[in-house]
PDB file of N, CA and C in Angstrom:
ATOM      1  N   MET A   1      -6.382 -14.853  10.109  1.00  0.00           N
ATOM      2  CA  MET A   1      -6.200 -15.108   8.675  1.00  0.00           C
ATOM      3  C   MET A   1      -5.442 -13.941   8.056  1.00  0.00           C
ATOM      4  N   SER A   2      -4.410 -14.232   7.313  1.00  0.00           N
ATOM      5  CA  SER A   2      -3.589 -13.200   6.679  1.00  0.00           C
ATOM      6  C   SER A   2      -4.276 -12.653   5.432  1.00  0.00           C
ATOM      7  N   HIS A   3      -4.075 -11.364   5.202  1.00  0.00           N
ATOM      8  CA  HIS A   3      -4.603 -10.728   4.000  1.00  0.00           C
ATOM      9  C   HIS A   3      -3.598 -10.985   2.869  1.00  0.00           C
ATOM     10  N   PRO A   4      -4.067 -11.234   1.646  1.00  0.00           N
ATOM     11  CA  PRO A   4      -3.172 -11.518   0.511  1.00  0.00           C
ATOM     12  C   PRO A   4      -2.125 -10.415   0.274  1.00  0.00           C
ATOM     13  N   VAL A   5      -2.494  -9.164   0.506  1.00  0.00           N
ATOM     14  CA  VAL A   5      -1.521  -8.081   0.318  1.00  0.00           C
ATOM     15  C   VAL A   5      -0.406  -8.174   1.355  1.00  0.00           C
ATOM     16  N   ASP A   6      -0.757  -8.475   2.615  1.00  0.00           N
ATOM     17  CA  ASP A   6       0.254  -8.631   3.657  1.00  0.00           C
ATOM     18  C   ASP A   6       1.181  -9.802   3.339  1.00  0.00           C
ATOM     19  N   GLU A   7       0.623 -10.873   2.801  1.00  0.00           N
ATOM     20  CA  GLU A   7       1.455 -12.028   2.420  1.00  0.00           C
ATOM     21  C   GLU A   7       2.379 -11.670   1.258  1.00  0.00           C
ATOM     22  N   HIS A   8       1.871 -10.926   0.294  1.00  0.00           N
ATOM     23  CA  HIS A   8       2.700 -10.513  -0.859  1.00  0.00           C
ATOM     24  C   HIS A   8       3.868  -9.637  -0.378  1.00  0.00           C
ATOM     25  N   VAL A   9       3.567  -8.640   0.436  1.00  0.00           N
ATOM     26  CA  VAL A   9       4.612  -7.741   0.951  1.00  0.00           C
ATOM     27  C   VAL A   9       5.615  -8.531   1.770  1.00  0.00           C
ATOM     28  N   GLY A  10       5.138  -9.467   2.572  1.00  0.00           N
ATOM     29  CA  GLY A  10       6.034 -10.298   3.382  1.00  0.00           C
ATOM     30  C   GLY A  10       6.952 -11.155   2.534  1.00  0.00           C
ATOM     31  N   LYS A  11       6.417 -11.731   1.466  1.00  0.00           N
ATOM     32  CA  LYS A  11       7.238 -12.552   0.562  1.00  0.00           C
ATOM     33  C   LYS A  11       8.299 -11.690  -0.128  1.00  0.00           C
ATOM     34  N   LYS A  12       7.903 -10.482  -0.538  1.00  0.00           N
ATOM     35  CA  LYS A  12       8.870  -9.579  -1.172  1.00  0.00           C
ATOM     36  C   LYS A  12       9.970  -9.227  -0.181  1.00  0.00           C
ATOM     37  N   LEU A  13       9.605  -8.985   1.072  1.00  0.00           N
ATOM     38  CA  LEU A  13      10.586  -8.682   2.112  1.00  0.00           C
ATOM     39  C   LEU A  13      11.550  -9.845   2.283  1.00  0.00           C
ATOM     40  N   LYS A  14      11.013 -11.045   2.393  1.00  0.00           N
ATOM     41  CA  LYS A  14      11.876 -12.218   2.617  1.00  0.00           C
ATOM     42  C   LYS A  14      12.806 -12.462   1.438  1.00  0.00           C
ATOM     43  N   ASN A  15      12.270 -12.400   0.215  1.00  0.00           N
ATOM     44  CA  ASN A  15      13.110 -12.625  -0.969  1.00  0.00           C
ATOM     45  C   ASN A  15      14.239 -11.615  -1.055  1.00  0.00           C
ATOM     46  N   LEU A  16      13.919 -10.350  -0.816  1.00  0.00           N
ATOM     47  CA  LEU A  16      14.950  -9.301  -0.916  1.00  0.00           C
ATOM     48  C   LEU A  16      15.960  -9.435   0.229  1.00  0.00           C
ATOM     49  N   ARG A  17      15.487  -9.763   1.414  1.00  0.00           N
ATOM     50  CA  ARG A  17      16.408  -9.957   2.544  1.00  0.00           C
ATOM     51  C   ARG A  17      17.402 -11.063   2.242  1.00  0.00           C
ATOM     52  N   VAL A  18      16.904 -12.173   1.705  1.00  0.00           N
ATOM     53  CA  VAL A  18      17.785 -13.293   1.363  1.00  0.00           C
ATOM     54  C   VAL A  18      18.757 -12.875   0.239  1.00  0.00           C
ATOM     55  N   LEU A  19      18.240 -12.192  -0.776  1.00  0.00           N
ATOM     56  CA  LEU A  19      19.108 -11.708  -1.857  1.00  0.00           C
ATOM     57  C   LEU A  19      20.224 -10.813  -1.357  1.00  0.00           C
ATOM     58  N   ARG A  20      19.926 -10.012  -0.338  1.00  0.00           N
ATOM     59  CA  ARG A  20      20.905  -9.111   0.228  1.00  0.00           C
ATOM     60  C   ARG A  20      21.855  -9.824   1.219  1.00  0.00           C
ATOM     61  N   GLY A  21      21.566 -11.092   1.488  1.00  0.00           N
ATOM     62  CA  GLY A  21      22.418 -11.848   2.404  1.00  0.00           C
ATOM     63  C   GLY A  21      22.255 -11.453   3.853  1.00  0.00           C
ATOM     64  N   LEU A  22      21.063 -10.974   4.204  1.00  0.00           N
ATOM     65  CA  LEU A  22      20.781 -10.549   5.566  1.00  0.00           C
ATOM     66  C   LEU A  22      19.923 -11.575   6.298  1.00  0.00           C
ATOM     67  N   THR A  23      20.083 -11.637   7.594  1.00  0.00           N
ATOM     68  CA  THR A  23      19.253 -12.504   8.421  1.00  0.00           C
ATOM     69  C   THR A  23      18.053 -11.699   8.928  1.00  0.00           C
ATOM     70  N   GLN A  24      17.095 -12.404   9.471  1.00  0.00           N
ATOM     71  CA  GLN A  24      15.959 -11.716  10.088  1.00  0.00           C
ATOM     72  C   GLN A  24      16.464 -10.848  11.238  1.00  0.00           C
ATOM     73  N   THR A  25      17.476 -11.329  11.929  1.00  0.00           N
ATOM     74  CA  THR A  25      18.049 -10.556  13.048  1.00  0.00           C
ATOM     75  C   THR A  25      18.683  -9.257  12.546  1.00  0.00           C
ATOM     76  N   ASP A  26      19.370  -9.315  11.402  1.00  0.00           N
ATOM     77  CA  ASP A  26      19.961  -8.103  10.827  1.00  0.00           C
ATOM     78  C   ASP A  26      18.903  -7.034  10.567  1.00  0.00           C
ATOM     79  N   VAL A  27      17.810  -7.453   9.938  1.00  0.00           N
ATOM     80  CA  VAL A  27      16.730  -6.511   9.631  1.00  0.00           C
ATOM     81  C   VAL A  27      16.086  -6.020  10.928  1.00  0.00           C
ATOM     82  N   ALA A  28      15.878  -6.940  11.861  1.00  0.00           N
ATOM     83  CA  ALA A  28      15.257  -6.584  13.131  1.00  0.00           C
ATOM     84  C   ALA A  28      16.071  -5.532  13.875  1.00  0.00           C
ATOM     85  N   LYS A  29      17.385  -5.681  13.881  1.00  0.00           N
ATOM     86  CA  LYS A  29      18.239  -4.707  14.571  1.00  0.00           C
ATOM     87  C   LYS A  29      18.082  -3.325  13.947  1.00  0.00           C
ATOM     88  N   GLY A  30      17.999  -3.269  12.630  1.00  0.00           N
ATOM     89  CA  GLY A  30      17.833  -1.997  11.948  1.00  0.00           C
ATOM     90  C   GLY A  30      16.488  -1.330  12.233  1.00  0.00           C
ATOM     91  N   LEU A  31      15.508  -2.153  12.598  1.00  0.00           N
ATOM     92  CA  LEU A  31      14.176  -1.634  12.893  1.00  0.00           C
ATOM     93  C   LEU A  31      13.916  -1.506  14.389  1.00  0.00           C
ATOM     94  N   ASP A  32      14.852  -2.003  15.206  1.00  0.00           N
ATOM     95  CA  ASP A  32      14.713  -2.003  16.663  1.00  0.00           C
ATOM     96  C   ASP A  32      13.486  -2.805  17.098  1.00  0.00           C
ATOM     97  N   ILE A  33      13.354  -4.002  16.493  1.00  0.00           N
ATOM     98  CA  ILE A  33      12.286  -4.939  16.834  1.00  0.00           C
ATOM     99  C   ILE A  33      12.922  -6.323  16.961  1.00  0.00           C
ATOM    100  N   SER A  34      12.118  -7.327  17.330  1.00  0.00           N
ATOM    101  CA  SER A  34      12.642  -8.686  17.463  1.00  0.00           C
ATOM    102  C   SER A  34      12.662  -9.376  16.107  1.00  0.00           C
ATOM    103  N   PHE A  35      13.511 -10.389  15.990  1.00  0.00           N
ATOM    104  CA  PHE A  35      13.540 -11.155  14.741  1.00  0.00           C
ATOM    105  C   PHE A  35      12.216 -11.899  14.541  1.00  0.00           C
ATOM    106  N   GLN A  36      11.540 -12.215  15.671  1.00  0.00           N
ATOM    107  CA  GLN A  36      10.242 -12.882  15.561  1.00  0.00           C
ATOM    108  C   GLN A  36       9.219 -11.976  14.867  1.00  0.00           C
ATOM    109  N   GLN A  37       9.332 -10.662  15.104  1.00  0.00           N
ATOM    110  CA  GLN A  37       8.420  -9.721  14.458  1.00  0.00           C
ATOM    111  C   GLN A  37       8.677  -9.704  12.942  1.00  0.00           C
ATOM    112  N   VAL A  38       9.965  -9.719  12.555  1.00  0.00           N
ATOM    113  CA  VAL A  38      10.318  -9.759  11.128  1.00  0.00           C
ATOM    114  C   VAL A  38       9.766 -11.057  10.531  1.00  0.00           C
ATOM    115  N   GLN A  39       9.882 -12.142  11.267  1.00  0.00           N
ATOM    116  CA  GLN A  39       9.357 -13.436  10.802  1.00  0.00           C
ATOM    117  C   GLN A  39       7.836 -13.342  10.559  1.00  0.00           C
ATOM    118  N   LYS A  40       7.119 -12.689  11.455  1.00  0.00           N
ATOM    119  CA  LYS A  40       5.682 -12.516  11.295  1.00  0.00           C
ATOM    120  C   LYS A  40       5.372 -11.638  10.088  1.00  0.00           C
ATOM    121  N   TYR A  41       6.180 -10.602   9.868  1.00  0.00           N
ATOM    122  CA  TYR A  41       6.009  -9.756   8.681  1.00  0.00           C
ATOM    123  C   TYR A  41       6.179 -10.597   7.414  1.00  0.00           C
ATOM    124  N   GLU A  42       7.235 -11.413   7.382  1.00  0.00           N
ATOM    125  CA  GLU A  42       7.535 -12.211   6.199  1.00  0.00           C
ATOM    126  C   GLU A  42       6.447 -13.234   5.898  1.00  0.00           C
ATOM    127  N   LEU A  43       5.798 -13.737   6.905  1.00  0.00           N
ATOM    128  CA  LEU A  43       4.735 -14.711   6.738  1.00  0.00           C
ATOM    129  C   LEU A  43       3.391 -14.053   6.450  1.00  0.00           C
ATOM    130  N   GLY A  44       3.339 -12.729   6.599  1.00  0.00           N
ATOM    131  CA  GLY A  44       2.100 -12.004   6.384  1.00  0.00           C
ATOM    132  C   GLY A  44       1.154 -12.088   7.562  1.00  0.00           C
ATOM    133  N   ARG A  45       1.622 -12.589   8.671  1.00  0.00           N
ATOM    134  CA  ARG A  45       0.767 -12.725   9.862  1.00  0.00           C
ATOM    135  C   ARG A  45       0.523 -11.370  10.530  1.00  0.00           C
ATOM    136  N   ASN A  46       1.532 -10.491  10.475  1.00  0.00           N
ATOM    137  CA  ASN A  46       1.395  -9.147  10.993  1.00  0.00           C
ATOM    138  C   ASN A  46       1.582  -8.157   9.853  1.00  0.00           C
ATOM    139  N   ARG A  47       0.783  -7.123   9.863  1.00  0.00           N
ATOM    140  CA  ARG A  47       0.913  -6.070   8.850  1.00  0.00           C
ATOM    141  C   ARG A  47       2.094  -5.194   9.194  1.00  0.00           C
ATOM    142  N   ILE A  48       2.737  -4.701   8.138  1.00  0.00           N
ATOM    143  CA  ILE A  48       3.848  -3.772   8.303  1.00  0.00           C
ATOM    144  C   ILE A  48       3.296  -2.365   8.181  1.00  0.00           C
ATOM    145  N   SER A  49       3.511  -1.556   9.197  1.00  0.00           N
ATOM    146  CA  SER A  49       3.025  -0.176   9.156  1.00  0.00           C
ATOM    147  C   SER A  49       3.780   0.608   8.078  1.00  0.00           C
ATOM    148  N   ALA A  50       3.204   1.706   7.657  1.00  0.00           N
ATOM    149  CA  ALA A  50       3.835   2.535   6.625  1.00  0.00           C
ATOM    150  C   ALA A  50       5.211   2.997   7.065  1.00  0.00           C
ATOM    151  N   SER A  51       5.351   3.397   8.324  1.00  0.00           N
ATOM    152  CA  SER A  51       6.664   3.876   8.800  1.00  0.00           C
ATOM    153  C   SER A  51       7.691   2.739   8.824  1.00  0.00           C
ATOM    154  N   LYS A  52       7.270   1.551   9.230  1.00  0.00           N
ATOM    155  CA  LYS A  52       8.208   0.409   9.244  1.00  0.00           C
ATOM    156  C   LYS A  52       8.568   0.005   7.815  1.00  0.00           C
ATOM    157  N   LEU A  53       7.585   0.036   6.901  1.00  0.00           N
ATOM    158  CA  LEU A  53       7.861  -0.304   5.524  1.00  0.00           C
ATOM    159  C   LEU A  53       8.864   0.687   4.919  1.00  0.00           C
ATOM    160  N   PHE A  54       8.724   1.938   5.273  1.00  0.00           N
ATOM    161  CA  PHE A  54       9.666   2.950   4.808  1.00  0.00           C
ATOM    162  C   PHE A  54      11.069   2.663   5.363  1.00  0.00           C
ATOM    163  N   GLU A  55      11.175   2.326   6.633  1.00  0.00           N
ATOM    164  CA  GLU A  55      12.457   1.975   7.245  1.00  0.00           C
ATOM    165  C   GLU A  55      13.054   0.732   6.591  1.00  0.00           C
ATOM    166  N   ILE A  56      12.226  -0.278   6.352  1.00  0.00           N
ATOM    167  CA  ILE A  56      12.702  -1.506   5.696  1.00  0.00           C
ATOM    168  C   ILE A  56      13.243  -1.193   4.314  1.00  0.00           C
ATOM    169  N   SER A  57      12.547  -0.331   3.591  1.00  0.00           N
ATOM    170  CA  SER A  57      12.998   0.011   2.242  1.00  0.00           C
ATOM    171  C   SER A  57      14.354   0.700   2.277  1.00  0.00           C
ATOM    172  N   ARG A  58      14.605   1.474   3.313  1.00  0.00           N
ATOM    173  CA  ARG A  58      15.916   2.121   3.460  1.00  0.00           C
ATOM    174  C   ARG A  58      17.002   1.112   3.808  1.00  0.00           C
ATOM    175  N   ILE A  59      16.676   0.153   4.679  1.00  0.00           N
ATOM    176  CA  ILE A  59      17.635  -0.883   5.073  1.00  0.00           C
ATOM    177  C   ILE A  59      18.009  -1.740   3.865  1.00  0.00           C
ATOM    178  N   LEU A  60      17.018  -2.078   3.052  1.00  0.00           N
ATOM    179  CA  LEU A  60      17.241  -2.966   1.904  1.00  0.00           C
ATOM    180  C   LEU A  60      17.537  -2.212   0.601  1.00  0.00           C
ATOM    181  N   ASN A  61      17.569  -0.891   0.689  1.00  0.00           N
ATOM    182  CA  ASN A  61      17.939  -0.032  -0.427  1.00  0.00           C
ATOM    183  C   ASN A  61      17.054  -0.208  -1.667  1.00  0.00           C
ATOM    184  N   VAL A  62      15.747  -0.143  -1.436  1.00  0.00           N
ATOM    185  CA  VAL A  62      14.757  -0.175  -2.505  1.00  0.00           C
ATOM    186  C   VAL A  62      13.685   0.873  -2.202  1.00  0.00           C
ATOM    187  N   PRO A  63      12.956   1.325  -3.216  1.00  0.00           N
ATOM    188  CA  PRO A  63      11.844   2.247  -2.922  1.00  0.00           C
ATOM    189  C   PRO A  63      10.704   1.463  -2.236  1.00  0.00           C
ATOM    190  N   PRO A  64       9.917   2.122  -1.394  1.00  0.00           N
ATOM    191  CA  PRO A  64       8.819   1.419  -0.726  1.00  0.00           C
ATOM    192  C   PRO A  64       7.882   0.740  -1.707  1.00  0.00           C
ATOM    193  N   SER A  65       7.729   1.307  -2.892  1.00  0.00           N
ATOM    194  CA  SER A  65       6.834   0.707  -3.894  1.00  0.00           C
ATOM    195  C   SER A  65       7.269  -0.677  -4.319  1.00  0.00           C
ATOM    196  N   TYR A  66       8.555  -1.015  -4.125  1.00  0.00           N
ATOM    197  CA  TYR A  66       9.075  -2.344  -4.488  1.00  0.00           C
ATOM    198  C   TYR A  66       8.208  -3.453  -3.890  1.00  0.00           C
ATOM    199  N   PHE A  67       7.749  -3.246  -2.676  1.00  0.00           N
ATOM    200  CA  PHE A  67       7.018  -4.300  -1.964  1.00  0.00           C
ATOM    201  C   PHE A  67       5.632  -4.558  -2.555  1.00  0.00           C
ATOM    202  N   PHE A  68       5.168  -3.643  -3.425  1.00  0.00           N
ATOM    203  CA  PHE A  68       3.860  -3.828  -4.043  1.00  0.00           C
ATOM    204  C   PHE A  68       3.984  -4.210  -5.510  1.00  0.00           C
ATOM    205  N   ASP A  69       5.194  -4.215  -6.046  1.00  0.00           N
ATOM    206  CA  ASP A  69       5.420  -4.594  -7.442  1.00  0.00           C
ATOM    207  C   ASP A  69       4.893  -6.008  -7.684  1.00  0.00           C
ATOM    208  N   GLY A  70       4.174  -6.181  -8.779  1.00  0.00           N
ATOM    209  CA  GLY A  70       3.671  -7.485  -9.143  1.00  0.00           C
ATOM    210  C   GLY A  70       2.521  -7.973  -8.303  1.00  0.00           C
ATOM    211  N   LEU A  71       1.903  -7.088  -7.541  1.00  0.00           N
ATOM    212  CA  LEU A  71       0.829  -7.521  -6.640  1.00  0.00           C
ATOM    213  C   LEU A  71      -0.318  -8.147  -7.397  1.00  0.00           C
ATOM    214  N   GLY A  72      -0.786  -7.536  -8.487  1.00  0.00           N
ATOM    215  CA  GLY A  72      -1.869  -8.135  -9.271  1.00  0.00           C
ATOM    216  C   GLY A  72      -1.435  -9.447  -9.884  1.00  0.00           C
ATOM    217  N   GLU A  73      -0.190  -9.504 -10.379  1.00  0.00           N
ATOM    218  CA  GLU A  73       0.344 -10.727 -10.981  1.00  0.00           C
ATOM    219  C   GLU A  73       0.437 -11.826  -9.951  1.00  0.00           C
ATOM    220  N   ALA A  74       0.850 -11.487  -8.735  1.00  0.00           N
ATOM    221  CA  ALA A  74       0.993 -12.493  -7.697  1.00  0.00           C
ATOM    222  C   ALA A  74      -0.348 -13.141  -7.365  1.00  0.00           C
ATOM    223  N   GLU A  75      -1.404 -12.330  -7.372  1.00  0.00           N
ATOM    224  CA  GLU A  75      -2.725 -12.879  -7.083  1.00  0.00           C
ATOM    225  C   GLU A  75      -3.167 -13.833  -8.197  1.00  0.00           C
ATOM    226  N   GLU A  76      -2.828 -13.485  -9.455  1.00  0.00           N
ATOM    227  CA  GLU A  76      -3.215 -14.313 -10.583  1.00  0.00           C
ATOM    228  C   GLU A  76      -2.360 -15.568 -10.702  1.00  0.00           C
ATOM    229  N   ASN A  77      -1.086 -15.466 -10.370  1.00  0.00           N
ATOM    230  CA  ASN A  77      -0.151 -16.585 -10.578  1.00  0.00           C
ATOM    231  C   ASN A  77       0.179 -17.357  -9.304  1.00  0.00           C
ATOM    232  N   GLY A  78      -0.380 -16.981  -8.176  1.00  0.00           N
ATOM    233  CA  GLY A  78      -0.156 -17.720  -6.938  1.00  0.00           C
ATOM    234  C   GLY A  78       1.074 -17.289  -6.178  1.00  0.00           C
ATOM    235  N   GLY A  79       1.675 -16.148  -6.466  1.00  0.00           N
ATOM    236  CA  GLY A  79       2.781 -15.651  -5.672  1.00  0.00           C
ATOM    237  C   GLY A  79       3.947 -15.176  -6.503  1.00  0.00           C
ATOM    238  N   PRO A  80       4.935 -14.614  -5.834  1.00  0.00           N
ATOM    239  CA  PRO A  80       6.112 -14.141  -6.533  1.00  0.00           C
ATOM    240  C   PRO A  80       6.828 -15.267  -7.264  1.00  0.00           C
ATOM    241  N   VAL A  81       7.533 -14.934  -8.319  1.00  0.00           N
ATOM    242  CA  VAL A  81       8.190 -15.918  -9.156  1.00  0.00           C
ATOM    243  C   VAL A  81       9.404 -16.533  -8.477  1.00  0.00           C
ATOM    244  N   ILE A  82      10.147 -15.770  -7.699  1.00  0.00           N
ATOM    245  CA  ILE A  82      11.393 -16.237  -7.111  1.00  0.00           C
ATOM    246  C   ILE A  82      11.142 -16.951  -5.794  1.00  0.00           C
ATOM    247  N   ASP A  83      11.766 -18.118  -5.610  1.00  0.00           N
ATOM    248  CA  ASP A  83      11.647 -18.825  -4.336  1.00  0.00           C
ATOM    249  C   ASP A  83      12.931 -18.587  -3.526  1.00  0.00           C
ATOM    250  N   GLU A  84      12.945 -19.076  -2.309  1.00  0.00           N
ATOM    251  CA  GLU A  84      14.062 -18.804  -1.403  1.00  0.00           C
ATOM    252  C   GLU A  84      15.381 -19.383  -1.931  1.00  0.00           C
ATOM    253  N   GLU A  85      15.347 -20.584  -2.463  1.00  0.00           N
ATOM    254  CA  GLU A  85      16.574 -21.207  -2.966  1.00  0.00           C
ATOM    255  C   GLU A  85      17.137 -20.413  -4.147  1.00  0.00           C
ATOM    256  N   THR A  86      16.261 -19.969  -5.026  1.00  0.00           N
ATOM    257  CA  THR A  86      16.690 -19.147  -6.172  1.00  0.00           C
ATOM    258  C   THR A  86      17.298 -17.851  -5.683  1.00  0.00           C
ATOM    259  N   ALA A  87      16.698 -17.251  -4.671  1.00  0.00           N
ATOM    260  CA  ALA A  87      17.225 -16.012  -4.103  1.00  0.00           C
ATOM    261  C   ALA A  87      18.608 -16.232  -3.496  1.00  0.00           C
ATOM    262  N   ARG A  88      18.808 -17.362  -2.839  1.00  0.00           N
ATOM    263  CA  ARG A  88      20.130 -17.655  -2.239  1.00  0.00           C
ATOM    264  C   ARG A  88      21.185 -17.825  -3.331  1.00  0.00           C
ATOM    265  N   ILE A  89      20.812 -18.515  -4.388  1.00  0.00           N
ATOM    266  CA  ILE A  89      21.750 -18.740  -5.504  1.00  0.00           C
ATOM    267  C   ILE A  89      22.113 -17.405  -6.133  1.00  0.00           C
ATOM    268  N   ALA A  90      21.094 -16.576  -6.390  1.00  0.00           N
ATOM    269  CA  ALA A  90      21.339 -15.254  -6.999  1.00  0.00           C
ATOM    270  C   ALA A  90      22.231 -14.408  -6.086  1.00  0.00           C
ATOM    271  N   SER A  91      21.995 -14.475  -4.789  1.00  0.00           N
ATOM    272  CA  SER A  91      22.790 -13.718  -3.833  1.00  0.00           C
ATOM    273  C   SER A  91      24.251 -14.160  -3.857  1.00  0.00           C
ATOM    274  N   THR A  92      24.463 -15.459  -3.926  1.00  0.00           N
ATOM    275  CA  THR A  92      25.815 -16.004  -3.955  1.00  0.00           C
ATOM    276  C   THR A  92      26.531 -15.610  -5.247  1.00  0.00           C
ATOM    277  N   ILE A  93      25.848 -15.744  -6.364  1.00  0.00           N
ATOM    278  CA  ILE A  93      26.460 -15.392  -7.655  1.00  0.00           C
ATOM    279  C   ILE A  93      26.771 -13.902  -7.720  1.00  0.00           C
ATOM    280  N   SER A  94      25.914 -13.071  -7.122  1.00  0.00           N
ATOM    281  CA  SER A  94      26.150 -11.626  -7.181  1.00  0.00           C
ATOM    282  C   SER A  94      27.413 -11.198  -6.431  1.00  0.00           C
ATOM    283  N   LYS A  95      27.906 -12.053  -5.550  1.00  0.00           N
ATOM    284  CA  LYS A  95      29.126 -11.741  -4.785  1.00  0.00           C
ATOM    285  C   LYS A  95      30.397 -12.028  -5.571  1.00  0.00           C
ATOM    286  N   ILE A  96      30.283 -12.745  -6.693  1.00  0.00           N
ATOM    287  CA  ILE A  96      31.452 -13.065  -7.514  1.00  0.00           C
ATOM    288  C   ILE A  96      31.867 -11.808  -8.283  1.00  0.00           C
ATOM    289  N   LYS A  97      33.123 -11.431  -8.147  1.00  0.00           N
ATOM    290  CA  LYS A  97      33.632 -10.208  -8.786  1.00  0.00           C
ATOM    291  C   LYS A  97      34.031 -10.425 -10.238  1.00  0.00           C
ATOM    292  N   ASP A  98      34.493 -11.596 -10.571  1.00  0.00           N
ATOM    293  CA  ASP A  98      34.986 -11.901 -11.916  1.00  0.00           C
ATOM    294  C   ASP A  98      33.813 -12.085 -12.879  1.00  0.00           C
ATOM    295  N   GLU A  99      33.599 -11.095 -13.778  1.00  0.00           N
ATOM    296  CA  GLU A  99      32.477 -11.136 -14.701  1.00  0.00           C
ATOM    297  C   GLU A  99      32.541 -12.321 -15.651  1.00  0.00           C
ATOM    298  N   ARG A 100      33.758 -12.686 -16.051  1.00  0.00           N
ATOM    299  CA  ARG A 100      33.919 -13.836 -16.946  1.00  0.00           C
ATOM    300  C   ARG A 100      33.452 -15.113 -16.272  1.00  0.00           C
ATOM    301  N   LEU A 101      33.817 -15.272 -15.026  1.00  0.00           N
ATOM    302  CA  LEU A 101      33.398 -16.436 -14.256  1.00  0.00           C
ATOM    303  C   LEU A 101      31.869 -16.449 -14.083  1.00  0.00           C
ATOM    304  N   LYS A 102      31.281 -15.284 -13.806  1.00  0.00           N
ATOM    305  CA  LYS A 102      29.834 -15.197 -13.696  1.00  0.00           C
ATOM    306  C   LYS A 102      29.151 -15.654 -14.994  1.00  0.00           C
ATOM    307  N   THR A 103      29.694 -15.231 -16.105  1.00  0.00           N
ATOM    308  CA  THR A 103      29.126 -15.607 -17.403  1.00  0.00           C
ATOM    309  C   THR A 103      29.217 -17.115 -17.599  1.00  0.00           C
ATOM    310  N   GLN A 104      30.332 -17.712 -17.205  1.00  0.00           N
ATOM    311  CA  GLN A 104      30.489 -19.159 -17.332  1.00  0.00           C
ATOM    312  C   GLN A 104      29.504 -19.898 -16.437  1.00  0.00           C
ATOM    313  N   ILE A 105      29.288 -19.386 -15.255  1.00  0.00           N
ATOM    314  CA  ILE A 105      28.330 -20.020 -14.329  1.00  0.00           C
ATOM    315  C   ILE A 105      26.910 -19.905 -14.891  1.00  0.00           C
ATOM    316  N   ARG A 106      26.546 -18.743 -15.445  1.00  0.00           N
ATOM    317  CA  ARG A 106      25.222 -18.595 -16.043  1.00  0.00           C
ATOM    318  C   ARG A 106      25.056 -19.568 -17.206  1.00  0.00           C
ATOM    319  N   SER A 107      26.091 -19.721 -18.021  1.00  0.00           N
ATOM    320  CA  SER A 107      26.029 -20.661 -19.157  1.00  0.00           C
ATOM    321  C   SER A 107      25.830 -22.092 -18.653  1.00  0.00           C
ATOM    322  N   PHE A 108      26.553 -22.439 -17.601  1.00  0.00           N
ATOM    323  CA  PHE A 108      26.427 -23.762 -16.997  1.00  0.00           C
ATOM    324  C   PHE A 108      25.003 -23.995 -16.484  1.00  0.00           C
ATOM    325  N   ILE A 109      24.460 -23.009 -15.777  1.00  0.00           N
ATOM    326  CA  ILE A 109      23.099 -23.128 -15.241  1.00  0.00           C
ATOM    327  C   ILE A 109      22.081 -23.261 -16.376  1.00  0.00           C
ATOM    328  N   ASP A 110      22.264 -22.477 -17.439  1.00  0.00           N
ATOM    329  CA  ASP A 110      21.373 -22.582 -18.595  1.00  0.00           C
ATOM    330  C   ASP A 110      21.429 -23.981 -19.194  1.00  0.00           C
ATOM    331  N   ALA A 111      22.651 -24.523 -19.303  1.00  0.00           N
ATOM    332  CA  ALA A 111      22.824 -25.860 -19.880  1.00  0.00           C
ATOM    333  C   ALA A 111      22.148 -26.920 -18.999  1.00  0.00           C
ATOM    334  N   VAL A 112      22.341 -26.820 -17.716  1.00  0.00           N
ATOM    335  CA  VAL A 112      21.743 -27.786 -16.786  1.00  0.00           C
ATOM    336  C   VAL A 112      20.211 -27.662 -16.821  1.00  0.00           C
ATOM    337  N   ALA A 113      19.700 -26.447 -16.854  1.00  0.00           N
ATOM    338  CA  ALA A 113      18.253 -26.232 -16.850  1.00  0.00           C
ATOM    339  C   ALA A 113      17.606 -26.819 -18.119  1.00  0.00           C
ATOM    340  N   ASN A 114      18.324 -26.822 -19.214  1.00  0.00           N
ATOM    341  CA  ASN A 114      17.765 -27.340 -20.461  1.00  0.00           C
ATOM    342  C   ASN A 114      18.156 -28.780 -20.749  1.00  0.00           C
ATOM    343  N   TYR A 115      18.870 -29.401 -19.851  1.00  0.00           N
ATOM    344  CA  TYR A 115      19.341 -30.773 -20.017  1.00  0.00           C
ATOM    345  C   TYR A 115      18.171 -31.744 -19.886  1.00  0.00           C
ATOM    346  N   THR A 116      18.086 -32.654 -20.824  1.00  0.00           N
ATOM    347  CA  THR A 116      17.096 -33.729 -20.781  1.00  0.00           C
ATOM    348  C   THR A 116      17.848 -35.049 -20.843  1.00  0.00           C
ATOM    349  N   PRO A 117      17.787 -35.842 -19.777  1.00  0.00           N
ATOM    350  CA  PRO A 117      18.517 -37.113 -19.782  1.00  0.00           C
ATOM    351  C   PRO A 117      17.958 -38.076 -20.845  1.00  0.00           C
ATOM    352  N   ALA A 118      18.871 -38.864 -21.403  1.00  0.00           N
ATOM    353  CA  ALA A 118      18.461 -39.862 -22.400  1.00  0.00           C
ATOM    354  C   ALA A 118      17.590 -40.890 -21.742  1.00  0.00           C
ATOM    355  N   ALA A 119      16.558 -41.329 -22.466  1.00  0.00           N
ATOM    356  CA  ALA A 119      15.609 -42.312 -21.887  1.00  0.00           C
ATOM    357  C   ALA A 119      16.096 -43.716 -22.054  1.00  0.00           C
TER     358      ALA A 119
END
């Protein structure tokens, strides 16, 4: 049985990895472990040691504390706010260099999100 903290840290790892456009294999190579081990970390099945968490934070360019951000909120709200699809969309949009185009895409997404079809 996974501990809720391990699951939270694993979800944060997965969300950030996807946002950075990295595969489990990419992270695994940086840690000199198998992609299956990264998969177990992301699912919270295996705990991430302090040294591995430190290495992961360097690979993903965040402070180690990032993985614990929102921990109390996650327990109260049932998990992190961002899902995998949202992370992929954010990752794709972040690669667009044209700020004007990014603004137009955000406006479009806002319009679609607030759209209510006529009954």
